[in-house]
Amino acid sequence: MRRRDVLLMGGSAVLWSAGAAAQGHDVPVIGFLSLASEDSFAHLLAAYIESLRKAGFADGRNVAIEYRWANGRYDELPTLAGDLLAREPDVIVASGGDRPSLALKDLTSTVPVIFVGSDDPVGLGLVDSLSHPGGNMTGGSLFTSELEVKKLELLSEVVPKATRIAMLANPGNPVAVSDIANVAAAARSRNLELLIVEAASAEEIDTGLGGLEATLVHGLIVGHDPLFNSRREQIVAHVERLNVPAIYEHREFVEAGGLMSYGSDIAENYRIAADYTARILRGAMPAELPVRQATKFLLTINLKAAGELGLEFPPLMLVRADEVIE
């Protein structure tokens, strides 16, 4: 454990790592690196900030948060990561998939990094194991590959006579290959033809989904990806023009007019990140903090969208749903 000092703020005692003082900071600095945009992740950032406040740390009072947003541009992550490290932060939160964490991994092995919702932290080399991370990184992990197969199963319940399903995937996502392979295997077991639509930018989303208009598909799986999450209104608008049932990762797509979503409660991972940020600022080391796995998965259904498609959800699915939007 590092030596810890006590910083008195607002009449309450807050443990402050000696590293912040050594780096010349008036208060500890939290770096926040995200692949997404500030607007699209505002509600998730709010969950992080509120949880951090409850843990005793408030931006502008006893910590300073430095933000770097890549706005969906993967190629900017190394530059943004380097710029953030130049501020000598005490801890960095890496948000929006694994690419921000991988960019930081190439640049530092000492600054604590907390990843938010990693797809495969062990397989990607971010940590040695979930229980014993062993380095400067830890955070929260999702079951994304398993969830993609579950999304196929749920879509098949809604359109049981489907024979051809499309999947929107980002080839720039480190786990896209395994996700596609898992969904393809599940599709074959159901005698479904799977059509892959690749998109790594907003422009490619338009091109890829636009190309589906001339193809007969009976449903669409929108794969998990931070870029897709940040372009949810664009994607939902395309799907409405295609007039096909689609399943997404997060409820925000359903709020935007999408049919249904199934995925982890991603806000939970931001609350985990806030908890680990506070622990590290109080002296804990990432190697000592086990990677925490998602425990809550949400099924959200939009009855209005179903009506526009002429669909009816199976009664048991409605019972299983965590939220039904009418």
C-alpha atoms as a PDB file:
ATOM      1  CA  MET A   1       0.000   0.000   0.000  1.00  0.00           C
ATOM      2  CA  ARG A   2       1.165   3.557  -0.693  1.00  0.00           C
ATOM      3  CA  ARG A   3       1.520   6.083   2.128  1.00  0.00           C
ATOM      4  CA  ARG A   4      -1.704   8.022   2.512  1.00  0.00           C
ATOM      5  CA  ASP A   5      -2.288  11.562   3.678  1.00  0.00           C
ATOM      6  CA  VAL A   6      -5.474  13.042   5.057  1.00  0.00           C
ATOM      7  CA  LEU A   7      -7.021  15.940   3.160  1.00  0.00           C
ATOM      8  CA  LEU A   8      -9.654  17.914   5.048  1.00  0.00           C
ATOM      9  CA  MET A   9     -12.431  19.159   2.799  1.00  0.00           C
ATOM     10  CA  GLY A  10     -15.724  20.720   3.861  1.00  0.00           C
ATOM     11  CA  GLY A  11     -15.335  19.465   7.415  1.00  0.00           C
ATOM     12  CA  SER A  12     -14.993  15.831   6.372  1.00  0.00           C
ATOM     13  CA  ALA A  13     -11.833  13.755   6.197  1.00  0.00           C
ATOM     14  CA  VAL A  14     -11.001  12.331   2.784  1.00  0.00           C
ATOM     15  CA  LEU A  15      -8.035  10.017   2.325  1.00  0.00           C
ATOM     16  CA  TRP A  16      -5.817  11.312  -0.469  1.00  0.00           C
ATOM     17  CA  SER A  17      -3.029   9.280  -2.040  1.00  0.00           C
ATOM     18  CA  ALA A  18       0.436  10.711  -1.525  1.00  0.00           C
ATOM     19  CA  GLY A  19       1.007  10.299  -5.265  1.00  0.00           C
ATOM     20  CA  ALA A  20      -1.238  13.292  -5.962  1.00  0.00           C
ATOM     21  CA  ALA A  21       0.874  15.527  -3.754  1.00  0.00           C
ATOM     22  CA  ALA A  22       4.082  14.199  -5.280  1.00  0.00           C
ATOM     23  CA  GLN A  23       2.793  15.082  -8.750  1.00  0.00           C
ATOM     24  CA  GLY A  24       2.092  18.644  -7.692  1.00  0.00           C
ATOM     25  CA  HIS A  25      -1.706  18.413  -7.826  1.00  0.00           C
ATOM     26  CA  ASP A  26      -3.752  20.571  -5.495  1.00  0.00           C
ATOM     27  CA  VAL A  27      -6.306  17.765  -5.511  1.00  0.00           C
ATOM     28  CA  PRO A  28      -6.229  14.272  -7.040  1.00  0.00           C
ATOM     29  CA  VAL A  29      -6.785  14.170 -10.802  1.00  0.00           C
ATOM     30  CA  ILE A  30      -9.105  11.587 -12.364  1.00  0.00           C
ATOM     31  CA  GLY A  31      -8.660  10.992 -16.073  1.00  0.00           C
ATOM     32  CA  PHE A  32     -11.702   9.920 -18.096  1.00  0.00           C
ATOM     33  CA  LEU A  33     -11.016   8.496 -21.568  1.00  0.00           C
ATOM     34  CA  SER A  34     -13.963   7.440 -23.707  1.00  0.00           C
ATOM     35  CA  LEU A  35     -14.410   6.214 -27.254  1.00  0.00           C
ATOM     36  CA  ALA A  36     -17.891   7.731 -27.309  1.00  0.00           C
ATOM     37  CA  SER A  37     -19.202  11.298 -27.214  1.00  0.00           C
ATOM     38  CA  GLU A  38     -20.145  13.280 -24.137  1.00  0.00           C
ATOM     39  CA  ASP A  39     -23.739  13.770 -25.294  1.00  0.00           C
ATOM     40  CA  SER A  40     -24.434  10.104 -26.011  1.00  0.00           C
ATOM     41  CA  PHE A  41     -22.967   8.937 -22.686  1.00  0.00           C
ATOM     42  CA  ALA A  42     -24.290  11.785 -20.521  1.00  0.00           C
ATOM     43  CA  HIS A  43     -26.642   9.536 -18.518  1.00  0.00           C
ATOM     44  CA  LEU A  44     -23.864   7.027 -17.851  1.00  0.00           C
ATOM     45  CA  LEU A  45     -21.413   9.737 -16.882  1.00  0.00           C
ATOM     46  CA  ALA A  46     -24.053  11.063 -14.493  1.00  0.00           C
ATOM     47  CA  ALA A  47     -24.248   7.624 -12.830  1.00  0.00           C
ATOM     48  CA  TYR A  48     -20.464   7.662 -12.379  1.00  0.00           C
ATOM     49  CA  ILE A  49     -20.315  11.201 -10.980  1.00  0.00           C
ATOM     50  CA  GLU A  50     -23.215  10.632  -8.583  1.00  0.00           C
ATOM     51  CA  SER A  51     -21.712   7.385  -7.279  1.00  0.00           C
ATOM     52  CA  LEU A  52     -18.321   9.079  -6.923  1.00  0.00           C
ATOM     53  CA  ARG A  53     -19.972  11.884  -4.954  1.00  0.00           C
ATOM     54  CA  LYS A  54     -21.613   9.371  -2.619  1.00  0.00           C
ATOM     55  CA  ALA A  55     -18.164   7.865  -2.071  1.00  0.00           C
ATOM     56  CA  GLY A  56     -16.873  11.255  -0.921  1.00  0.00           C
ATOM     57  CA  PHE A  57     -15.346  12.770  -4.049  1.00  0.00           C
ATOM     58  CA  ALA A  58     -16.826  15.696  -5.975  1.00  0.00           C
ATOM     59  CA  ASP A  59     -15.385  17.255  -9.127  1.00  0.00           C
ATOM     60  CA  GLY A  60     -14.232  20.803  -8.440  1.00  0.00           C
ATOM     61  CA  ARG A  61     -14.195  20.270  -4.687  1.00  0.00           C
ATOM     62  CA  ASN A  62     -11.754  17.563  -3.712  1.00  0.00           C
ATOM     63  CA  VAL A  63     -10.956  16.004  -7.105  1.00  0.00           C
ATOM     64  CA  ALA A  64     -10.513  17.286 -10.639  1.00  0.00           C
ATOM     65  CA  ILE A  65     -11.756  15.239 -13.611  1.00  0.00           C
ATOM     66  CA  GLU A  66     -10.037  15.557 -16.995  1.00  0.00           C
ATOM     67  CA  TYR A  67     -12.171  14.319 -19.910  1.00  0.00           C
ATOM     68  CA  ARG A  68     -11.065  13.114 -23.332  1.00  0.00           C
ATOM     69  CA  TRP A  69     -13.791  12.058 -25.816  1.00  0.00           C
ATOM     70  CA  ALA A  70     -12.910  10.276 -29.075  1.00  0.00           C
ATOM     71  CA  ASN A  71     -16.437  10.708 -30.527  1.00  0.00           C
ATOM     72  CA  GLY A  72     -16.308   7.270 -32.128  1.00  0.00           C
ATOM     73  CA  ARG A  73     -12.931   7.783 -33.822  1.00  0.00           C
ATOM     74  CA  TYR A  74     -10.759   4.818 -32.845  1.00  0.00           C
ATOM     75  CA  ASP A  75      -7.624   6.282 -34.415  1.00  0.00           C
ATOM     76  CA  GLU A  76      -7.675   9.244 -32.009  1.00  0.00           C
ATOM     77  CA  LEU A  77      -7.494   7.108 -28.866  1.00  0.00           C
ATOM     78  CA  PRO A  78      -3.669   6.812 -28.664  1.00  0.00           C
ATOM     79  CA  THR A  79      -3.257  10.595 -28.956  1.00  0.00           C
ATOM     80  CA  LEU A  80      -5.990  11.284 -26.421  1.00  0.00           C
ATOM     81  CA  ALA A  81      -4.541   8.689 -24.041  1.00  0.00           C
ATOM     82  CA  GLY A  82      -1.085  10.249 -24.311  1.00  0.00           C
ATOM     83  CA  ASP A  83      -2.493  13.714 -23.739  1.00  0.00           C
ATOM     84  CA  LEU A  84      -4.352  12.517 -20.675  1.00  0.00           C
ATOM     85  CA  LEU A  85      -1.285  10.805 -19.239  1.00  0.00           C
ATOM     86  CA  ALA A  86       0.652  14.049 -19.633  1.00  0.00           C
ATOM     87  CA  ARG A  87      -1.643  15.494 -16.954  1.00  0.00           C
ATOM     88  CA  GLU A  88      -0.184  12.895 -14.554  1.00  0.00           C
ATOM     89  CA  PRO A  89      -3.570  11.643 -13.321  1.00  0.00           C
ATOM     90  CA  ASP A  90      -3.847   9.583 -10.169  1.00  0.00           C
ATOM     91  CA  VAL A  91      -6.287   7.190 -11.845  1.00  0.00           C
ATOM     92  CA  ILE A  92      -7.905   6.865 -15.282  1.00  0.00           C
ATOM     93  CA  VAL A  93     -11.364   5.542 -16.136  1.00  0.00           C
ATOM     94  CA  ALA A  94     -11.442   3.910 -19.601  1.00  0.00           C
ATOM     95  CA  SER A  95     -14.960   3.991 -21.039  1.00  0.00           C
ATOM     96  CA  GLY A  96     -16.573   2.765 -24.232  1.00  0.00           C
ATOM     97  CA  GLY A  97     -15.374  -0.777 -24.841  1.00  0.00           C
ATOM     98  CA  ASP A  98     -11.868  -2.184 -24.710  1.00  0.00           C
ATOM     99  CA  ARG A  99     -10.100   0.053 -27.198  1.00  0.00           C
ATOM    100  CA  PRO A 100      -9.464   2.901 -24.699  1.00  0.00           C
ATOM    101  CA  SER A 101      -7.988   0.410 -22.212  1.00  0.00           C
ATOM    102  CA  LEU A 102      -5.799  -1.113 -24.921  1.00  0.00           C
ATOM    103  CA  ALA A 103      -4.562   2.345 -25.930  1.00  0.00           C
ATOM    104  CA  LEU A 104      -3.613   3.057 -22.320  1.00  0.00           C
ATOM    105  CA  LYS A 105      -2.002  -0.369 -21.933  1.00  0.00           C
ATOM    106  CA  ASP A 106       0.445   0.536 -24.700  1.00  0.00           C
ATOM    107  CA  LEU A 107       1.447   3.731 -22.881  1.00  0.00           C
ATOM    108  CA  THR A 108       1.539   2.984 -19.155  1.00  0.00           C
ATOM    109  CA  SER A 109       2.026   0.108 -16.769  1.00  0.00           C
ATOM    110  CA  THR A 110       1.994   2.249 -13.624  1.00  0.00           C
ATOM    111  CA  VAL A 111      -0.979   4.644 -13.705  1.00  0.00           C
ATOM    112  CA  PRO A 112      -4.067   2.882 -12.289  1.00  0.00           C
ATOM    113  CA  VAL A 113      -6.690   2.246 -14.971  1.00  0.00           C
ATOM    114  CA  ILE A 114     -10.311   1.255 -14.339  1.00  0.00           C
ATOM    115  CA  PHE A 115     -12.065  -0.178 -17.399  1.00  0.00           C
ATOM    116  CA  VAL A 116     -15.844   0.094 -17.685  1.00  0.00           C
ATOM    117  CA  GLY A 117     -17.544  -2.997 -19.037  1.00  0.00           C
ATOM    118  CA  SER A 118     -14.649  -4.825 -20.691  1.00  0.00           C
ATOM    119  CA  ASP A 119     -15.714  -7.597 -23.052  1.00  0.00           C
ATOM    120  CA  ASP A 120     -12.803  -9.949 -22.320  1.00  0.00           C
ATOM    121  CA  PRO A 121     -10.196  -8.434 -19.979  1.00  0.00           C
ATOM    122  CA  VAL A 122      -8.237 -11.674 -19.568  1.00  0.00           C
ATOM    123  CA  GLY A 123      -8.249 -12.658 -23.237  1.00  0.00           C
ATOM    124  CA  LEU A 124      -7.175  -9.153 -24.271  1.00  0.00           C
ATOM    125  CA  GLY A 125      -4.312  -9.102 -21.779  1.00  0.00           C
ATOM    126  CA  LEU A 126      -5.633  -6.289 -19.613  1.00  0.00           C
ATOM    127  CA  VAL A 127      -5.464  -8.435 -16.460  1.00  0.00           C
ATOM    128  CA  ASP A 128      -3.895 -11.733 -15.444  1.00  0.00           C
ATOM    129  CA  SER A 129      -7.169 -13.076 -14.066  1.00  0.00           C
ATOM    130  CA  LEU A 130     -10.524 -11.774 -12.900  1.00  0.00           C
ATOM    131  CA  SER A 131      -9.823 -12.493  -9.239  1.00  0.00           C
ATOM    132  CA  HIS A 132      -6.203 -11.311  -9.281  1.00  0.00           C
ATOM    133  CA  PRO A 133      -5.701  -8.605 -11.958  1.00  0.00           C
ATOM    134  CA  GLY A 134      -1.994  -8.450 -11.181  1.00  0.00           C
ATOM    135  CA  GLY A 135      -1.139  -5.126 -12.844  1.00  0.00           C
ATOM    136  CA  ASN A 136      -2.306  -1.536 -13.074  1.00  0.00           C
ATOM    137  CA  MET A 137      -5.780  -2.331 -14.467  1.00  0.00           C
ATOM    138  CA  THR A 138      -9.092  -3.552 -13.081  1.00  0.00           C
ATOM    139  CA  GLY A 139     -12.787  -2.703 -13.428  1.00  0.00           C
ATOM    140  CA  GLY A 140     -16.018  -4.280 -14.612  1.00  0.00           C
ATOM    141  CA  SER A 141     -16.597  -7.035 -17.168  1.00  0.00           C
ATOM    142  CA  LEU A 142     -19.628  -7.938 -19.309  1.00  0.00           C
ATOM    143  CA  PHE A 143     -20.829 -11.230 -20.807  1.00  0.00           C
ATOM    144  CA  THR A 144     -21.136  -9.720 -24.248  1.00  0.00           C
ATOM    145  CA  SER A 145     -20.534 -12.773 -26.461  1.00  0.00           C
ATOM    146  CA  GLU A 146     -23.097 -14.799 -24.528  1.00  0.00           C
ATOM    147  CA  LEU A 147     -25.500 -11.855 -24.699  1.00  0.00           C
ATOM    148  CA  GLU A 148     -25.250 -11.693 -28.496  1.00  0.00           C
ATOM    149  CA  VAL A 149     -26.442 -15.296 -28.724  1.00  0.00           C
ATOM    150  CA  LYS A 150     -29.237 -14.550 -26.260  1.00  0.00           C
ATOM    151  CA  LYS A 151     -30.308 -11.629 -28.474  1.00  0.00           C
ATOM    152  CA  LEU A 152     -30.602 -14.043 -31.412  1.00  0.00           C
ATOM    153  CA  GLU A 153     -32.747 -16.364 -29.294  1.00  0.00           C
ATOM    154  CA  LEU A 154     -35.063 -13.543 -28.248  1.00  0.00           C
ATOM    155  CA  LEU A 155     -35.405 -12.242 -31.799  1.00  0.00           C
ATOM    156  CA  SER A 156     -36.271 -15.761 -32.954  1.00  0.00           C
ATOM    157  CA  GLU A 157     -39.081 -15.870 -30.400  1.00  0.00           C
ATOM    158  CA  VAL A 158     -40.555 -12.700 -31.881  1.00  0.00           C
ATOM    159  CA  VAL A 159     -40.150 -13.795 -35.520  1.00  0.00           C
ATOM    160  CA  PRO A 160     -40.267 -17.620 -35.328  1.00  0.00           C
ATOM    161  CA  LYS A 161     -40.689 -18.025 -39.108  1.00  0.00           C
ATOM    162  CA  ALA A 162     -37.528 -16.043 -39.920  1.00  0.00           C
ATOM    163  CA  THR A 163     -34.998 -17.675 -42.239  1.00  0.00           C
ATOM    164  CA  ARG A 164     -32.475 -14.865 -42.732  1.00  0.00           C
ATOM    165  CA  ILE A 165     -31.163 -12.587 -39.977  1.00  0.00           C
ATOM    166  CA  ALA A 166     -28.679  -9.725 -40.359  1.00  0.00           C
ATOM    167  CA  MET A 167     -26.145  -8.669 -37.723  1.00  0.00           C
ATOM    168  CA  LEU A 168     -24.541  -5.238 -37.514  1.00  0.00           C
ATOM    169  CA  ALA A 169     -20.964  -5.592 -36.239  1.00  0.00           C
ATOM    170  CA  ASN A 170     -17.960  -3.306 -35.912  1.00  0.00           C
ATOM    171  CA  PRO A 171     -14.773  -4.924 -37.263  1.00  0.00           C
ATOM    172  CA  GLY A 172     -12.757  -2.459 -35.183  1.00  0.00           C
ATOM    173  CA  ASN A 173     -14.085  -3.979 -31.973  1.00  0.00           C
ATOM    174  CA  PRO A 174     -11.488  -6.434 -30.558  1.00  0.00           C
ATOM    175  CA  VAL A 175     -14.143  -9.060 -29.782  1.00  0.00           C
ATOM    176  CA  ALA A 176     -16.191  -8.707 -32.974  1.00  0.00           C
ATOM    177  CA  VAL A 177     -14.708 -11.869 -34.508  1.00  0.00           C
ATOM    178  CA  SER A 178     -15.679 -14.051 -31.547  1.00  0.00           C
ATOM    179  CA  ASP A 179     -19.117 -12.426 -31.302  1.00  0.00           C
ATOM    180  CA  ILE A 180     -19.837 -13.119 -34.980  1.00  0.00           C
ATOM    181  CA  ALA A 181     -18.588 -16.698 -34.670  1.00  0.00           C
ATOM    182  CA  ASN A 182     -20.819 -17.367 -31.654  1.00  0.00           C
ATOM    183  CA  VAL A 183     -23.918 -15.889 -33.291  1.00  0.00           C
ATOM    184  CA  ALA A 184     -23.175 -17.714 -36.568  1.00  0.00           C
ATOM    185  CA  ALA A 185     -22.961 -21.048 -34.742  1.00  0.00           C
ATOM    186  CA  ALA A 186     -26.241 -20.347 -32.945  1.00  0.00           C
ATOM    187  CA  ALA A 187     -27.866 -19.319 -36.231  1.00  0.00           C
ATOM    188  CA  ARG A 188     -26.772 -22.558 -37.923  1.00  0.00           C
ATOM    189  CA  SER A 189     -28.287 -24.589 -35.099  1.00  0.00           C
ATOM    190  CA  ARG A 190     -31.602 -22.863 -35.850  1.00  0.00           C
ATOM    191  CA  ASN A 191     -31.279 -23.258 -39.626  1.00  0.00           C
ATOM    192  CA  LEU A 192     -30.982 -19.489 -39.994  1.00  0.00           C
ATOM    193  CA  GLU A 193     -28.898 -17.706 -42.599  1.00  0.00           C
ATOM    194  CA  LEU A 194     -26.798 -14.963 -40.996  1.00  0.00           C
ATOM    195  CA  LEU A 195     -25.831 -11.898 -43.003  1.00  0.00           C
ATOM    196  CA  ILE A 196     -23.043  -9.773 -41.486  1.00  0.00           C
ATOM    197  CA  VAL A 197     -23.111  -6.001 -41.996  1.00  0.00           C
ATOM    198  CA  GLU A 198     -19.825  -4.375 -40.986  1.00  0.00           C
ATOM    199  CA  ALA A 199     -19.558  -0.728 -39.933  1.00  0.00           C
ATOM    200  CA  ALA A 200     -16.709   1.075 -38.176  1.00  0.00           C
ATOM    201  CA  SER A 201     -17.934   4.663 -38.608  1.00  0.00           C
ATOM    202  CA  ALA A 202     -21.126   6.682 -38.848  1.00  0.00           C
ATOM    203  CA  GLU A 203     -20.740   6.741 -42.628  1.00  0.00           C
ATOM    204  CA  GLU A 204     -20.353   2.962 -42.802  1.00  0.00           C
ATOM    205  CA  ILE A 205     -23.477   2.532 -40.680  1.00  0.00           C
ATOM    206  CA  ASP A 206     -25.396   4.461 -43.346  1.00  0.00           C
ATOM    207  CA  THR A 207     -23.825   2.465 -46.162  1.00  0.00           C
ATOM    208  CA  GLY A 208     -24.208  -0.936 -44.500  1.00  0.00           C
ATOM    209  CA  LEU A 209     -27.779  -0.579 -43.305  1.00  0.00           C
ATOM    210  CA  GLY A 210     -28.730   1.239 -46.481  1.00  0.00           C
ATOM    211  CA  GLY A 211     -27.533  -1.774 -48.451  1.00  0.00           C
ATOM    212  CA  LEU A 212     -29.969  -4.000 -46.580  1.00  0.00           C
ATOM    213  CA  GLU A 213     -32.910  -2.279 -48.236  1.00  0.00           C
ATOM    214  CA  ALA A 214     -32.386  -4.410 -51.340  1.00  0.00           C
ATOM    215  CA  THR A 215     -31.964  -7.616 -49.275  1.00  0.00           C
ATOM    216  CA  LEU A 216     -34.752  -9.675 -47.788  1.00  0.00           C
ATOM    217  CA  VAL A 217     -34.032 -10.076 -44.083  1.00  0.00           C
ATOM    218  CA  HIS A 218     -36.519 -11.001 -41.389  1.00  0.00           C
ATOM    219  CA  GLY A 219     -34.709  -9.452 -38.459  1.00  0.00           C
ATOM    220  CA  LEU A 220     -31.614  -7.548 -37.339  1.00  0.00           C
ATOM    221  CA  ILE A 221     -29.245  -7.930 -34.396  1.00  0.00           C
ATOM    222  CA  VAL A 222     -27.380  -4.734 -33.580  1.00  0.00           C
ATOM    223  CA  GLY A 223     -24.153  -5.961 -32.025  1.00  0.00           C
ATOM    224  CA  HIS A 224     -22.772  -4.464 -28.858  1.00  0.00           C
ATOM    225  CA  ASP A 225     -20.370  -1.649 -29.626  1.00  0.00           C
ATOM    226  CA  PRO A 226     -19.701   1.827 -28.162  1.00  0.00           C
ATOM    227  CA  LEU A 227     -19.910   3.378 -31.627  1.00  0.00           C
ATOM    228  CA  PHE A 228     -23.373   1.889 -32.158  1.00  0.00           C
ATOM    229  CA  ASN A 229     -24.463   3.059 -28.708  1.00  0.00           C
ATOM    230  CA  SER A 230     -23.398   6.603 -29.553  1.00  0.00           C
ATOM    231  CA  ARG A 231     -25.237   6.466 -32.924  1.00  0.00           C
ATOM    232  CA  ARG A 232     -28.443   4.880 -31.640  1.00  0.00           C
ATOM    233  CA  GLU A 233     -30.841   7.431 -33.188  1.00  0.00           C
ATOM    234  CA  GLN A 234     -29.149   7.049 -36.561  1.00  0.00           C
ATOM    235  CA  ILE A 235     -29.408   3.244 -36.376  1.00  0.00           C
ATOM    236  CA  VAL A 236     -33.024   3.197 -35.166  1.00  0.00           C
ATOM    237  CA  ALA A 237     -33.998   5.543 -38.018  1.00  0.00           C
ATOM    238  CA  HIS A 238     -32.446   3.145 -40.547  1.00  0.00           C
ATOM    239  CA  VAL A 239     -34.215   0.169 -38.995  1.00  0.00           C
ATOM    240  CA  GLU A 240     -37.553   1.981 -39.172  1.00  0.00           C
ATOM    241  CA  ARG A 241     -37.040   2.488 -42.913  1.00  0.00           C
ATOM    242  CA  LEU A 242     -36.145  -1.191 -43.304  1.00  0.00           C
ATOM    243  CA  ASN A 243     -39.353  -2.093 -41.448  1.00  0.00           C
ATOM    244  CA  VAL A 244     -37.800  -5.170 -39.826  1.00  0.00           C
ATOM    245  CA  PRO A 245     -37.751  -6.335 -36.184  1.00  0.00           C
ATOM    246  CA  ALA A 246     -34.453  -5.521 -34.496  1.00  0.00           C
ATOM    247  CA  ILE A 247     -32.905  -6.198 -31.107  1.00  0.00           C
ATOM    248  CA  TYR A 248     -30.344  -3.920 -29.513  1.00  0.00           C
ATOM    249  CA  GLU A 249     -28.034  -3.997 -26.515  1.00  0.00           C
ATOM    250  CA  HIS A 250     -29.368  -1.227 -24.270  1.00  0.00           C
ATOM    251  CA  ARG A 251     -32.741   0.261 -23.401  1.00  0.00           C
ATOM    252  CA  GLU A 252     -31.683   3.646 -24.781  1.00  0.00           C
ATOM    253  CA  PHE A 253     -32.291   2.205 -28.259  1.00  0.00           C
ATOM    254  CA  VAL A 254     -35.820   1.277 -27.217  1.00  0.00           C
ATOM    255  CA  GLU A 255     -36.373   4.757 -25.809  1.00  0.00           C
ATOM    256  CA  ALA A 256     -35.339   6.068 -29.234  1.00  0.00           C
ATOM    257  CA  GLY A 257     -38.059   3.958 -30.876  1.00  0.00           C
ATOM    258  CA  GLY A 258     -36.404   0.550 -31.211  1.00  0.00           C
ATOM    259  CA  LEU A 259     -38.358  -2.686 -30.787  1.00  0.00           C
ATOM    260  CA  MET A 260     -36.481  -4.438 -27.985  1.00  0.00           C
ATOM    261  CA  SER A 261     -33.164  -4.657 -26.180  1.00  0.00           C
ATOM    262  CA  TYR A 262     -31.332  -7.154 -24.013  1.00  0.00           C
ATOM    263  CA  GLY A 263     -28.105  -6.484 -22.207  1.00  0.00           C
ATOM    264  CA  SER A 264     -26.394  -5.758 -18.943  1.00  0.00           C
ATOM    265  CA  ASP A 265     -27.282  -2.742 -16.862  1.00  0.00           C
ATOM    266  CA  ILE A 266     -24.367  -0.669 -18.109  1.00  0.00           C
ATOM    267  CA  ALA A 267     -24.954   2.035 -15.507  1.00  0.00           C
ATOM    268  CA  GLU A 268     -24.011  -0.629 -12.962  1.00  0.00           C
ATOM    269  CA  ASN A 269     -20.528  -0.740 -14.467  1.00  0.00           C
ATOM    270  CA  TYR A 270     -20.144   3.018 -14.091  1.00  0.00           C
ATOM    271  CA  ARG A 271     -21.101   2.718 -10.450  1.00  0.00           C
ATOM    272  CA  ILE A 272     -18.463  -0.013 -10.091  1.00  0.00           C
ATOM    273  CA  ALA A 273     -15.933   2.317 -11.730  1.00  0.00           C
ATOM    274  CA  ALA A 274     -16.825   5.066  -9.249  1.00  0.00           C
ATOM    275  CA  ASP A 275     -16.414   2.696  -6.294  1.00  0.00           C
ATOM    276  CA  TYR A 276     -13.006   1.562  -7.556  1.00  0.00           C
ATOM    277  CA  THR A 277     -11.952   5.154  -8.284  1.00  0.00           C
ATOM    278  CA  ALA A 278     -12.678   6.083  -4.674  1.00  0.00           C
ATOM    279  CA  ARG A 279     -10.821   3.029  -3.356  1.00  0.00           C
ATOM    280  CA  ILE A 280      -7.744   3.784  -5.445  1.00  0.00           C
ATOM    281  CA  LEU A 281      -7.746   7.444  -4.388  1.00  0.00           C
ATOM    282  CA  ARG A 282      -7.778   6.170  -0.819  1.00  0.00           C
ATOM    283  CA  GLY A 283      -4.722   4.010  -1.447  1.00  0.00           C
ATOM    284  CA  ALA A 284      -5.907   0.679  -2.884  1.00  0.00           C
ATOM    285  CA  MET A 285      -3.948  -0.827  -5.769  1.00  0.00           C
ATOM    286  CA  PRO A 286      -5.639  -2.127  -8.947  1.00  0.00           C
ATOM    287  CA  ALA A 287      -3.882  -5.480  -8.583  1.00  0.00           C
ATOM    288  CA  GLU A 288      -5.744  -5.963  -5.291  1.00  0.00           C
ATOM    289  CA  LEU A 289      -9.212  -5.193  -6.699  1.00  0.00           C
ATOM    290  CA  PRO A 290     -10.859  -8.139  -8.509  1.00  0.00           C
ATOM    291  CA  VAL A 291     -12.636  -7.553 -11.801  1.00  0.00           C
ATOM    292  CA  ARG A 292     -16.343  -7.398 -11.064  1.00  0.00           C
ATOM    293  CA  GLN A 293     -18.748  -9.057 -13.477  1.00  0.00           C
ATOM    294  CA  ALA A 294     -22.170  -7.849 -14.526  1.00  0.00           C
ATOM    295  CA  THR A 295     -24.991  -9.309 -12.447  1.00  0.00           C
ATOM    296  CA  LYS A 296     -28.069  -7.533 -13.805  1.00  0.00           C
ATOM    297  CA  PHE A 297     -29.434  -8.048 -17.328  1.00  0.00           C
ATOM    298  CA  LEU A 298     -32.390  -6.118 -18.684  1.00  0.00           C
ATOM    299  CA  LEU A 299     -35.016  -7.030 -21.287  1.00  0.00           C
ATOM    300  CA  THR A 300     -36.860  -3.947 -22.545  1.00  0.00           C
ATOM    301  CA  ILE A 301     -39.801  -4.095 -24.961  1.00  0.00           C
ATOM    302  CA  ASN A 302     -41.513  -1.380 -27.015  1.00  0.00           C
ATOM    303  CA  LEU A 303     -45.174  -2.224 -27.709  1.00  0.00           C
ATOM    304  CA  LYS A 304     -45.685   0.802 -29.938  1.00  0.00           C
ATOM    305  CA  ALA A 305     -42.832  -0.285 -32.208  1.00  0.00           C
ATOM    306  CA  ALA A 306     -44.264  -3.810 -32.260  1.00  0.00           C
ATOM    307  CA  GLY A 307     -47.639  -2.483 -33.354  1.00  0.00           C
ATOM    308  CA  GLU A 308     -46.078  -0.511 -36.178  1.00  0.00           C
ATOM    309  CA  LEU A 309     -44.420  -3.720 -37.386  1.00  0.00           C
ATOM    310  CA  GLY A 310     -47.604  -5.744 -37.002  1.00  0.00           C
ATOM    311  CA  LEU A 311     -45.992  -7.951 -34.358  1.00  0.00           C
ATOM    312  CA  GLU A 312     -47.188  -9.362 -31.073  1.00  0.00           C
ATOM    313  CA  PHE A 313     -44.767 -10.339 -28.356  1.00  0.00           C
ATOM    314  CA  PRO A 314     -45.255 -13.825 -26.892  1.00  0.00           C
ATOM    315  CA  PRO A 315     -47.091 -13.496 -23.557  1.00  0.00           C
ATOM    316  CA  LEU A 316     -44.274 -15.200 -21.641  1.00  0.00           C
ATOM    317  CA  MET A 317     -41.753 -12.712 -23.042  1.00  0.00           C
ATOM    318  CA  LEU A 318     -43.898  -9.840 -21.794  1.00  0.00           C
ATOM    319  CA  VAL A 319     -43.936 -11.445 -18.363  1.00  0.00           C
ATOM    320  CA  ARG A 320     -40.141 -11.828 -18.420  1.00  0.00           C
ATOM    321  CA  ALA A 321     -39.528  -8.247 -19.545  1.00  0.00           C
ATOM    322  CA  ASP A 322     -37.975  -5.867 -17.028  1.00  0.00           C
ATOM    323  CA  GLU A 323     -39.666  -2.913 -18.707  1.00  0.00           C
ATOM    324  CA  VAL A 324     -42.475  -2.568 -21.238  1.00  0.00           C
ATOM    325  CA  ILE A 325     -42.774   0.759 -23.054  1.00  0.00           C
ATOM    326  CA  GLU A 326     -46.232   1.420 -24.505  1.00  0.00           C
END
